[in-house]
Protein backbone atom coordinates (compact mmCIF):
# COMPACT_ATOMS: atom_id res chain seq x y z
CA UNK A 1 115.70 39.21 -18.28
CA UNK A 2 115.68 39.29 -13.88
CA UNK A 3 113.90 36.83 -11.46
CA UNK A 4 111.08 39.10 -11.45
CA UNK A 5 110.19 39.14 -15.26
CA UNK A 6 110.99 35.25 -15.05
CA UNK A 7 108.46 34.87 -12.56
CA UNK A 8 105.87 36.62 -14.08
CA UNK A 9 106.30 34.42 -17.47
CA UNK A 10 106.32 31.34 -15.82
CA UNK A 11 102.33 32.99 -13.93
CA UNK A 12 101.61 33.47 -17.60
CA UNK A 13 102.31 30.28 -18.90
CA UNK A 14 99.87 29.04 -15.76
CA UNK A 15 98.05 30.87 -16.52
CA UNK A 16 97.70 30.08 -20.30
CA UNK A 17 97.65 26.47 -19.82
CA UNK A 18 95.79 25.68 -16.80
CA UNK A 19 92.88 28.19 -15.86
CA UNK A 20 89.57 27.32 -17.27
CA UNK A 21 88.30 31.15 -17.56
CA UNK A 22 88.36 31.89 -20.81
CA UNK A 23 88.94 35.68 -20.56
CA UNK A 24 92.33 34.68 -18.73
CA UNK A 25 93.68 32.27 -20.88
CA UNK A 26 93.08 34.99 -23.77
CA UNK A 27 95.15 37.79 -22.03
CA UNK A 28 97.43 35.78 -21.14
CA UNK A 29 98.06 34.14 -24.68
CA UNK A 30 98.37 37.73 -26.03
CA UNK A 31 101.36 38.71 -23.28
CA UNK A 32 103.32 35.28 -24.21
CA UNK A 33 102.65 35.56 -28.22
CA UNK A 34 104.10 39.24 -27.80
CA UNK A 35 107.20 37.53 -26.29
CA UNK A 36 107.96 35.28 -28.49
CA UNK A 37 108.19 37.83 -31.11
CA UNK A 38 109.85 40.04 -29.07
CA UNK A 39 111.92 37.70 -27.11
CA UNK A 40 114.85 40.16 -27.22
CA UNK A 41 117.37 37.75 -28.49
CA UNK A 42 119.43 34.69 -27.44
CA UNK A 43 120.82 35.45 -24.50
CA UNK A 44 116.71 36.20 -23.15
CA UNK A 45 116.03 32.78 -24.37
CA UNK A 46 118.49 30.68 -22.68
CA UNK A 47 118.12 32.72 -19.56
CA UNK A 48 114.60 31.02 -19.77
CA UNK A 49 115.62 27.66 -20.74
CA UNK A 50 118.38 27.50 -17.97
CA UNK A 51 115.97 29.23 -15.34
CA UNK A 52 112.63 28.60 -15.66
CA UNK A 53 110.81 25.71 -13.27
CA UNK A 54 107.58 25.39 -15.69
CA UNK A 55 108.23 23.04 -18.57
CA UNK A 56 105.77 25.57 -20.56
CA UNK A 57 107.92 28.73 -19.48
CA UNK A 58 110.82 26.39 -21.34
CA UNK A 59 109.04 25.66 -24.54
CA UNK A 60 107.65 29.26 -24.57
CA UNK A 61 111.76 29.69 -24.76
CA UNK A 62 111.95 26.72 -27.67
CA UNK A 63 109.81 28.29 -30.02
CA UNK A 64 110.89 31.90 -29.24
CA UNK A 65 114.58 30.40 -30.33
CA UNK A 66 112.99 28.96 -33.58
CA UNK A 67 111.50 32.18 -34.57
CA UNK A 68 114.59 34.06 -34.03
CA UNK A 69 116.39 31.39 -36.31
CA UNK A 70 114.39 30.69 -38.94
CA UNK A 71 112.43 33.78 -40.13
CA UNK A 72 113.52 35.12 -43.69
CA UNK A 73 114.17 38.14 -42.17
CA UNK A 74 116.75 37.28 -39.11
CA UNK A 75 120.26 38.68 -38.44
CA UNK A 76 121.77 36.19 -36.85
CA UNK A 77 125.19 35.85 -37.98
CA UNK A 78 126.93 32.10 -39.02
CA UNK A 79 128.54 33.05 -35.00
CA UNK A 80 125.11 33.24 -33.58
CA UNK A 81 123.76 30.46 -34.99
CA UNK A 82 126.12 28.39 -34.27
CA UNK A 83 126.44 29.58 -30.64
CA UNK A 84 123.07 28.56 -30.74
CA UNK A 85 123.44 25.18 -31.65
CA UNK A 86 126.42 24.35 -29.71
CA UNK A 87 124.96 25.95 -26.52
CA UNK A 88 121.65 23.63 -27.64
CA UNK A 89 123.71 20.09 -27.58
CA UNK A 90 124.91 21.23 -24.37
CA UNK A 91 121.60 21.29 -23.19
CA UNK A 92 119.93 18.20 -24.10
CA UNK A 93 123.38 16.89 -23.16
CA UNK A 94 123.24 17.74 -19.50
CA UNK A 95 118.96 17.09 -19.62
CA UNK A 96 118.36 13.89 -21.30
CA UNK A 97 115.26 13.14 -19.03
CA UNK A 98 113.57 16.42 -20.24
CA UNK A 99 109.80 16.84 -20.83
CA UNK A 100 109.82 15.22 -24.18
CA UNK A 101 107.57 18.23 -26.03
CA UNK A 102 110.68 20.39 -25.07
CA UNK A 103 113.34 18.47 -26.38
CA UNK A 104 111.76 17.51 -29.60
CA UNK A 105 110.92 21.19 -30.15
CA UNK A 106 114.80 22.27 -29.58
CA UNK A 107 116.44 18.54 -31.37
CA UNK A 108 114.14 20.12 -34.44
CA UNK A 109 115.35 23.64 -33.80
CA UNK A 110 119.19 21.90 -33.96
CA UNK A 111 118.46 19.98 -36.99
CA UNK A 112 116.85 23.24 -38.67
CA UNK A 113 120.03 25.44 -38.03
CA UNK A 114 121.54 22.39 -39.74
CA UNK A 115 120.17 22.55 -42.88
CA UNK A 116 119.77 26.65 -42.67
CA UNK A 117 123.96 27.11 -42.02
CA UNK A 118 124.70 23.81 -44.12
CA UNK A 119 127.01 25.65 -46.95
CA UNK A 120 127.95 28.80 -44.04
CA UNK A 121 132.29 28.18 -43.54
CA UNK A 122 134.80 29.62 -41.46
CA UNK A 123 137.35 30.07 -43.74
CA UNK A 124 136.90 30.23 -47.10
CA UNK A 125 140.00 28.64 -48.38
CA UNK A 126 140.10 25.11 -46.08
CA UNK A 127 136.47 24.23 -46.98
CA UNK A 128 135.93 24.16 -42.95
CA UNK A 129 132.11 23.80 -42.52
CA UNK A 130 131.17 23.45 -38.82
CA UNK A 131 127.39 22.64 -39.14
CA UNK A 132 128.72 19.58 -41.17
CA UNK A 133 129.52 17.76 -38.32
CA UNK A 134 125.87 16.47 -37.96
CA UNK A 135 126.26 12.62 -37.09
CA UNK A 136 129.49 12.94 -35.01
CA UNK A 137 127.56 15.06 -32.45
CA UNK A 138 124.92 12.57 -32.66
CA UNK A 139 127.41 10.01 -31.78
CA UNK A 140 128.20 11.70 -28.40
CA UNK A 141 124.85 10.97 -27.43
CA UNK A 142 125.47 7.27 -28.75
CA UNK A 143 128.40 6.90 -26.66
CA UNK A 144 126.37 7.88 -23.24
CA UNK A 145 124.07 6.73 -21.46
CA UNK A 146 120.78 5.10 -23.06
CA UNK A 147 118.67 8.21 -22.54
CA UNK A 148 121.47 10.24 -24.60
CA UNK A 149 121.15 7.55 -27.22
CA UNK A 150 117.47 8.14 -27.81
CA UNK A 151 118.20 11.69 -28.25
CA UNK A 152 121.06 11.02 -30.30
CA UNK A 153 119.28 8.95 -32.84
CA UNK A 154 116.37 11.79 -32.75
CA UNK A 155 119.26 14.51 -33.82
CA UNK A 156 119.81 12.15 -36.86
CA UNK A 157 115.90 11.70 -37.96
CA UNK A 158 114.97 14.88 -37.78
CA UNK A 159 117.65 16.07 -39.07
CA UNK A 160 117.47 13.67 -42.20
CA UNK A 161 113.64 14.62 -42.40
CA UNK A 162 114.14 18.39 -42.50
CA UNK A 163 116.58 17.91 -45.29
CA UNK A 164 113.45 16.69 -47.00
CA UNK A 165 111.60 20.05 -46.17
CA UNK A 166 111.55 23.43 -48.56
CA UNK A 167 109.31 25.13 -46.06
CA UNK A 168 111.32 27.65 -44.32
CA UNK A 169 113.77 28.43 -47.41
CA UNK A 170 113.33 30.96 -49.69
CA UNK A 171 114.94 29.44 -52.67
CA UNK A 172 113.75 25.98 -53.79
CA UNK A 173 117.01 25.83 -55.91
CA UNK A 174 118.97 26.44 -52.69
CA UNK A 175 116.80 23.69 -50.41
CA UNK A 176 117.72 20.59 -53.22
CA UNK A 177 121.25 21.77 -53.16
CA UNK A 178 121.56 21.57 -49.20
CA UNK A 179 119.70 18.10 -49.88
CA UNK A 180 122.00 16.84 -52.58
CA UNK A 181 124.96 17.41 -50.50
CA UNK A 182 123.63 16.37 -47.28
CA UNK A 183 122.72 13.17 -49.56
CA UNK A 184 125.93 12.93 -51.05
CA UNK A 185 128.34 13.90 -47.56
CA UNK A 186 126.19 12.27 -44.87
CA UNK A 187 122.83 10.15 -45.49
CA UNK A 188 124.78 6.71 -46.15
CA UNK A 189 126.85 7.07 -43.17
CA UNK A 190 123.62 7.87 -41.03
CA UNK A 191 121.79 4.83 -42.39
CA UNK A 192 124.50 2.29 -42.20
CA UNK A 193 124.72 2.99 -38.49
CA UNK A 194 121.14 3.23 -38.23
CA UNK A 195 120.84 -0.84 -39.55
CA UNK A 196 124.13 -1.35 -37.61
CA UNK A 197 122.59 -0.46 -33.97
CA UNK A 198 119.63 -2.18 -35.38
CA UNK A 199 121.33 -5.54 -35.71
CA UNK A 200 122.59 -5.09 -31.85
CA UNK A 201 118.78 -4.71 -31.23
CA UNK A 202 117.58 -7.48 -32.88
CA UNK A 203 116.89 -10.32 -30.85
CA UNK A 204 116.78 -8.69 -27.43
CA UNK A 205 114.15 -8.00 -25.38
CA UNK A 206 112.51 -4.72 -24.78
CA UNK A 207 112.96 -4.18 -20.83
CA UNK A 208 111.95 -1.16 -20.69
CA UNK A 209 109.81 2.07 -22.18
CA UNK A 210 113.09 3.66 -23.30
CA UNK A 211 114.65 0.80 -25.06
CA UNK A 212 111.38 0.58 -26.85
CA UNK A 213 111.43 3.84 -27.69
CA UNK A 214 115.27 3.45 -28.72
CA UNK A 215 114.03 1.20 -31.23
CA UNK A 216 111.22 3.11 -32.65
CA UNK A 217 113.42 5.94 -33.61
CA UNK A 218 116.19 3.92 -34.88
CA UNK A 219 113.79 2.23 -37.27
CA UNK A 220 112.22 5.66 -37.95
CA UNK A 221 115.80 6.69 -38.83
CA UNK A 222 116.23 4.10 -41.20
CA UNK A 223 112.78 4.64 -42.87
CA UNK A 224 113.49 8.33 -43.06
CA UNK A 225 116.93 7.67 -45.09
CA UNK A 226 115.24 5.11 -47.28
CA UNK A 227 112.27 7.65 -48.20
CA UNK A 228 114.90 10.71 -48.64
CA UNK A 229 113.81 12.26 -52.12
CA UNK A 230 117.39 11.23 -53.63
CA UNK A 231 116.81 13.17 -56.88
CA UNK A 232 114.43 15.94 -55.66
CA UNK A 233 111.84 14.93 -58.02
CA UNK A 234 109.10 13.84 -55.48
CA UNK A 235 105.79 12.11 -56.84
CA UNK A 236 102.80 13.80 -55.23
CA UNK A 237 101.28 11.56 -52.27
CA UNK A 238 98.85 10.27 -54.53
CA UNK A 239 101.05 8.13 -56.33
CA UNK A 240 102.88 7.76 -53.94
CA UNK A 241 102.74 3.74 -54.00
CA UNK A 242 103.67 3.86 -57.83
CA UNK A 243 106.81 5.73 -56.64
CA UNK A 244 110.62 4.40 -57.57
CA UNK A 245 113.84 4.78 -54.65
CA UNK A 246 116.40 6.19 -56.61
CA UNK A 247 118.77 4.90 -54.15
CA UNK A 248 122.17 6.54 -55.80
CA UNK A 249 124.73 4.09 -56.63
CA UNK A 250 127.12 4.07 -53.46
CA UNK A 251 124.32 2.84 -51.73
CA UNK A 252 124.28 -0.67 -54.15
CA UNK A 253 126.94 -2.93 -51.89
CA UNK A 254 124.06 -2.71 -48.92
CA UNK A 255 121.50 -3.44 -51.26
CA UNK A 256 123.48 -6.87 -52.70
CA UNK A 257 123.70 -7.86 -49.53
CA UNK A 258 121.04 -9.87 -48.13
CA UNK A 259 121.77 -9.16 -44.16
CA UNK A 260 120.64 -5.88 -44.86
CA UNK A 261 117.17 -7.16 -46.41
CA UNK A 262 116.84 -9.86 -43.64
CA UNK A 263 117.73 -7.30 -41.18
CA UNK A 264 113.84 -5.68 -40.94
CA UNK A 265 112.28 -9.27 -41.61
CA UNK A 266 113.64 -10.32 -38.59
CA UNK A 267 112.90 -6.80 -37.04
CA UNK A 268 109.48 -7.38 -38.16
CA UNK A 269 109.20 -10.37 -36.31
CA UNK A 270 110.76 -9.69 -33.59
CA UNK A 271 109.40 -6.84 -32.81
CA UNK A 272 105.94 -5.60 -30.86
CA UNK A 273 103.39 -4.81 -33.42
CA UNK A 274 103.40 -0.92 -32.36
CA UNK A 275 107.23 -0.75 -33.89
CA UNK A 276 106.90 -3.79 -36.44
CA UNK A 277 104.41 -1.72 -38.95
CA UNK A 278 108.25 1.21 -39.11
CA UNK A 279 109.66 -2.23 -40.59
CA UNK A 280 107.54 -3.21 -42.81
CA UNK A 281 107.40 0.78 -43.92
CA UNK A 282 111.23 0.51 -44.46
CA UNK A 283 111.00 -3.02 -46.73
CA UNK A 284 108.25 -1.23 -48.62
CA UNK A 285 110.65 1.47 -49.46
CA UNK A 286 113.51 -1.34 -50.27
CA UNK A 287 111.19 -2.94 -52.54
CA UNK A 288 110.60 0.08 -54.44
CA UNK A 289 114.08 0.79 -55.27
CA UNK A 290 115.18 1.66 -59.13
CA UNK A 291 115.46 -1.32 -61.49
CA UNK A 292 118.83 -0.09 -62.68
CA UNK A 293 120.53 -0.61 -59.28
CA UNK A 294 121.07 -4.30 -59.90
CA UNK A 295 122.51 -6.43 -63.25
CA UNK A 296 119.70 -8.99 -63.60
CA UNK A 297 121.12 -11.95 -62.07
CA UNK A 298 121.33 -8.95 -59.04
CA UNK A 299 117.87 -8.22 -59.50
CA UNK A 300 116.47 -11.53 -59.42
CA UNK A 301 118.50 -12.56 -56.28
CA UNK A 302 116.95 -9.82 -54.34
CA UNK A 303 113.73 -10.52 -55.63
CA UNK A 304 113.96 -13.63 -54.62
CA UNK A 305 114.95 -12.86 -50.72
CA UNK A 306 112.54 -10.37 -50.81
CA UNK A 307 109.46 -12.91 -52.07
CA UNK A 308 110.82 -15.56 -49.59
CA UNK A 309 110.45 -12.63 -46.92
CA UNK A 310 106.63 -11.98 -47.61
CA UNK A 311 106.30 -16.21 -47.26
CA UNK A 312 107.43 -16.18 -44.01
CA UNK A 313 105.03 -13.14 -43.27
CA UNK A 314 102.00 -15.15 -44.31
CA UNK A 315 103.16 -18.35 -43.11
CA UNK A 316 102.85 -16.74 -39.76
CA UNK A 317 99.71 -14.05 -39.92
CA UNK A 318 99.55 -13.22 -36.43
CA UNK A 319 101.38 -9.79 -36.34
CA UNK A 320 98.65 -8.79 -39.15
CA UNK A 321 95.86 -8.58 -36.89
CA UNK A 322 97.24 -5.00 -35.91
CA UNK A 323 95.49 -2.84 -38.72
CA UNK A 324 99.07 -0.57 -39.17
CA UNK A 325 100.99 -3.91 -39.96
CA UNK A 326 98.47 -4.92 -42.63
CA UNK A 327 98.31 -1.66 -43.98
CA UNK A 328 101.28 -1.87 -44.75
CA UNK A 329 102.04 -5.83 -45.55
CA UNK A 330 99.22 -4.65 -48.54
CA UNK A 331 101.33 -1.54 -50.13
CA UNK A 332 104.31 -4.23 -49.58
CA UNK A 333 102.63 -6.67 -51.88
CA UNK A 334 101.54 -4.05 -54.14
CA UNK A 335 105.09 -2.47 -54.61
CA UNK A 336 106.34 -5.59 -55.22
CA UNK A 337 104.56 -6.20 -58.85
CA UNK A 338 104.72 -2.36 -59.44
CA UNK A 339 108.31 -2.63 -59.47
CA UNK A 340 108.97 -6.47 -61.22
CA UNK A 341 107.99 -7.37 -63.81
CA UNK A 342 105.28 -10.76 -63.63
CA UNK A 343 107.97 -12.94 -65.58
CA UNK A 344 110.93 -12.45 -62.86
CA UNK A 345 108.09 -13.17 -60.00
CA UNK A 346 107.28 -16.48 -61.53
CA UNK A 347 110.96 -17.43 -61.45
CA UNK A 348 111.53 -16.57 -57.43
CA UNK A 349 111.62 -19.71 -55.13
CA UNK A 350 108.53 -22.10 -54.23
CA UNK A 351 106.69 -18.97 -56.64
CA UNK A 352 103.73 -21.25 -56.60
CA UNK A 353 103.32 -21.55 -52.92
CA UNK A 354 103.41 -17.37 -52.49
CA UNK A 355 101.03 -16.98 -55.15
CA UNK A 356 98.59 -19.31 -53.39
CA UNK A 357 99.09 -18.00 -49.89
CA UNK A 358 98.70 -14.33 -51.49
CA UNK A 359 95.32 -15.63 -53.16
CA UNK A 360 94.14 -16.71 -49.98
CA UNK A 361 95.41 -13.45 -48.46
CA UNK A 362 93.44 -11.66 -50.83
CA UNK A 363 90.14 -13.54 -50.54
CA UNK A 364 90.44 -13.30 -46.36
CA UNK A 365 90.86 -10.04 -46.92
CA UNK A 366 87.85 -9.55 -49.25
CA UNK A 367 86.26 -11.32 -46.66
CA UNK A 368 86.98 -9.27 -43.94
CA UNK A 369 86.03 -6.09 -46.09
CA UNK A 370 85.17 -3.68 -42.99
CA UNK A 371 88.87 -4.35 -41.19
CA UNK A 372 90.51 -3.67 -44.17
CA UNK A 373 88.71 -0.92 -46.06
CA UNK A 374 91.54 1.36 -46.67
CA UNK A 375 94.05 -1.09 -48.05
CA UNK A 376 92.19 -2.93 -50.53
CA UNK A 377 92.85 -1.04 -53.18
CA UNK A 378 96.69 -2.24 -52.71
CA UNK A 379 95.82 -6.01 -53.03
CA UNK A 380 93.55 -5.60 -55.72
CA UNK A 381 95.68 -2.91 -57.87
CA UNK A 382 98.18 -6.14 -57.21
CA UNK A 383 95.94 -8.91 -59.11
CA UNK A 384 95.79 -6.34 -62.05
CA UNK A 385 98.60 -5.49 -62.32
CA UNK A 386 99.32 -9.44 -62.49
CA UNK A 387 96.70 -10.22 -64.82
CA UNK A 388 97.80 -7.23 -67.24
CA UNK A 389 101.13 -8.80 -67.88
CA UNK A 390 100.18 -12.30 -68.63
CA UNK A 391 100.32 -11.05 -72.38
CA UNK A 392 104.10 -10.26 -72.39
CA UNK A 393 104.94 -13.21 -70.19
CA UNK A 394 107.27 -15.43 -71.83
CA UNK A 395 108.72 -17.82 -69.03
CA UNK A 396 107.53 -21.51 -69.36
CA UNK A 397 106.79 -21.02 -65.29
CA UNK A 398 103.41 -21.28 -64.91
CA UNK A 399 101.93 -18.26 -63.41
CA UNK A 400 98.77 -20.22 -61.71
CA UNK A 401 96.70 -16.44 -62.32
CA UNK A 402 94.29 -18.32 -64.32
CA UNK A 403 93.24 -20.17 -61.49
CA UNK A 404 93.46 -17.67 -58.43
CA UNK A 405 92.31 -14.24 -60.25
CA UNK A 406 87.98 -15.51 -61.11
CA UNK A 407 88.30 -16.51 -57.14
CA UNK A 408 89.39 -13.37 -56.21
CA UNK A 409 86.77 -11.70 -58.64
CA UNK A 410 84.27 -13.95 -57.25
CA UNK A 411 84.92 -13.22 -53.50
CA UNK A 412 85.32 -9.53 -54.24
CA UNK A 413 81.69 -9.40 -56.06
CA UNK A 414 80.56 -11.56 -53.38
CA UNK A 415 81.83 -9.08 -50.11
CA UNK A 416 80.17 -5.72 -51.85
CA UNK A 417 76.70 -7.73 -52.19
CA UNK A 418 77.07 -8.42 -48.50
CA UNK A 419 78.01 -5.18 -47.31
CA UNK A 420 75.01 -3.85 -49.14
CA UNK A 421 72.96 -4.64 -46.46
CA UNK A 422 75.49 -3.59 -43.58
CA UNK A 423 75.55 0.23 -44.94
CA UNK A 424 71.76 0.32 -45.39
CA UNK A 425 71.87 -0.28 -41.72
CA UNK A 426 74.55 2.67 -40.64
CA UNK A 427 73.91 5.85 -41.18
CA UNK A 428 73.45 7.20 -44.49
CA UNK A 429 75.48 9.32 -44.63
CA UNK A 430 78.27 7.16 -44.92
CA UNK A 431 77.18 6.88 -48.47
CA UNK A 432 79.02 9.86 -49.77
CA UNK A 433 80.70 10.35 -53.16
CA UNK A 434 83.96 9.79 -52.31
CA UNK A 435 82.74 6.23 -50.82
CA UNK A 436 80.93 5.74 -54.24
CA UNK A 437 83.93 6.74 -56.18
CA UNK A 438 85.97 3.99 -54.00
CA UNK A 439 84.20 1.45 -54.99
CA UNK A 440 83.77 2.44 -58.37
CA UNK A 441 86.87 2.35 -58.49
CA UNK A 442 87.29 -1.18 -57.15
CA UNK A 443 84.96 -2.33 -59.20
CA UNK A 444 86.55 -1.44 -62.44
CA UNK A 445 89.51 -2.86 -61.44
CA UNK A 446 87.68 -6.14 -60.52
CA UNK A 447 85.67 -6.02 -63.70
CA UNK A 448 89.00 -5.92 -65.78
CA UNK A 449 90.69 -8.42 -63.22
CA UNK A 450 87.64 -11.02 -64.71
CA UNK A 451 87.69 -9.80 -68.52
CA UNK A 452 91.46 -10.35 -68.70
CA UNK A 453 91.27 -14.29 -66.92
CA UNK A 454 88.11 -15.40 -69.40
CA UNK A 455 90.35 -14.12 -72.55
CA UNK A 456 93.39 -16.16 -71.52
């Protein structure tokens, strides 16, 4: 590519992204698609990234690079992929303030190259795998400026995310083999690094947008690690909230350390609403950790620490006014009962105070049904499971469900009756089949709770 071609391509980008003439945009789009499909090799794309003044032209180069690397019929050798990955890392390090969408695209491409080439080796006899040093490469960014640190954390976060995807690999078996190897060799170290960096940020004032972004990406990195498909049996998304997180036994020490759990409660309390919901998402995953990770006493201790954190949130509910925080907290409560038995819950410290707070929170949520419509089913699921477990409880501690379950049922029925007038004043299109099915599901759950409480 020479300077004339470069100028022509930048003109096409300006025409496509900036023109108001639909015909001109259509012509520019055809030319840009042709370039993406016949980019002429890695050197041409790298030249465009280096020399183009237009951010849109650099975006076209990034997209063309991705197609070259990930298409099923790619003819790139291992040396080509290694050279491309190293070039992209060098490019990002030299341009930490590159346009956001270009940076994101290049980082995702690095993650895809890492996954595709995970088992590529330069010397078969000594098992030298040059693409597996993702943590070391990201650490170089973390040791530099805060702008570089944001890029380093994104490299790790997107690498973990890509390892969970199988769309662009032709073999599902190969995907699982790569993901399992990554899990065993890198994932725990990445999670520990994320927690270490988050601990450094707890209590610090986020003075600018870059620091805010860094904390957000660190939380996303930790969440990606906890959401990893550890054993290759990802549940259907519809059954997400019944899932168990199959954390490897090698992670046990960190989960036994109460500081790990407390870290995310502290982050929830300290961070602004835009970030605290991600901390709650991490807590949802930690709540769902498989039971066999602990022995009986360790599991009760972990549950007790978790319950005390929930109690603190309910005692200071101001942040729950933010819809994402509220939704994730409802998920957290539902996961508590889905993964722990009622006999274990009644033994936690301050159980009577906690169950009273949860009951009041549920009644308040039912009374504010317009705000919490998408989250109510989590709370109803919690109480339905609690009441259904009563016949199997052998603990001597009182569960108090005979007191609170009828109150919640009454609050739900009243909220449904009060909603009739509001719905009738709205567009009747709201009364669609899905809405009716949702209401029927909720009502069935509440009637089940009421029937069970009557037969206690």
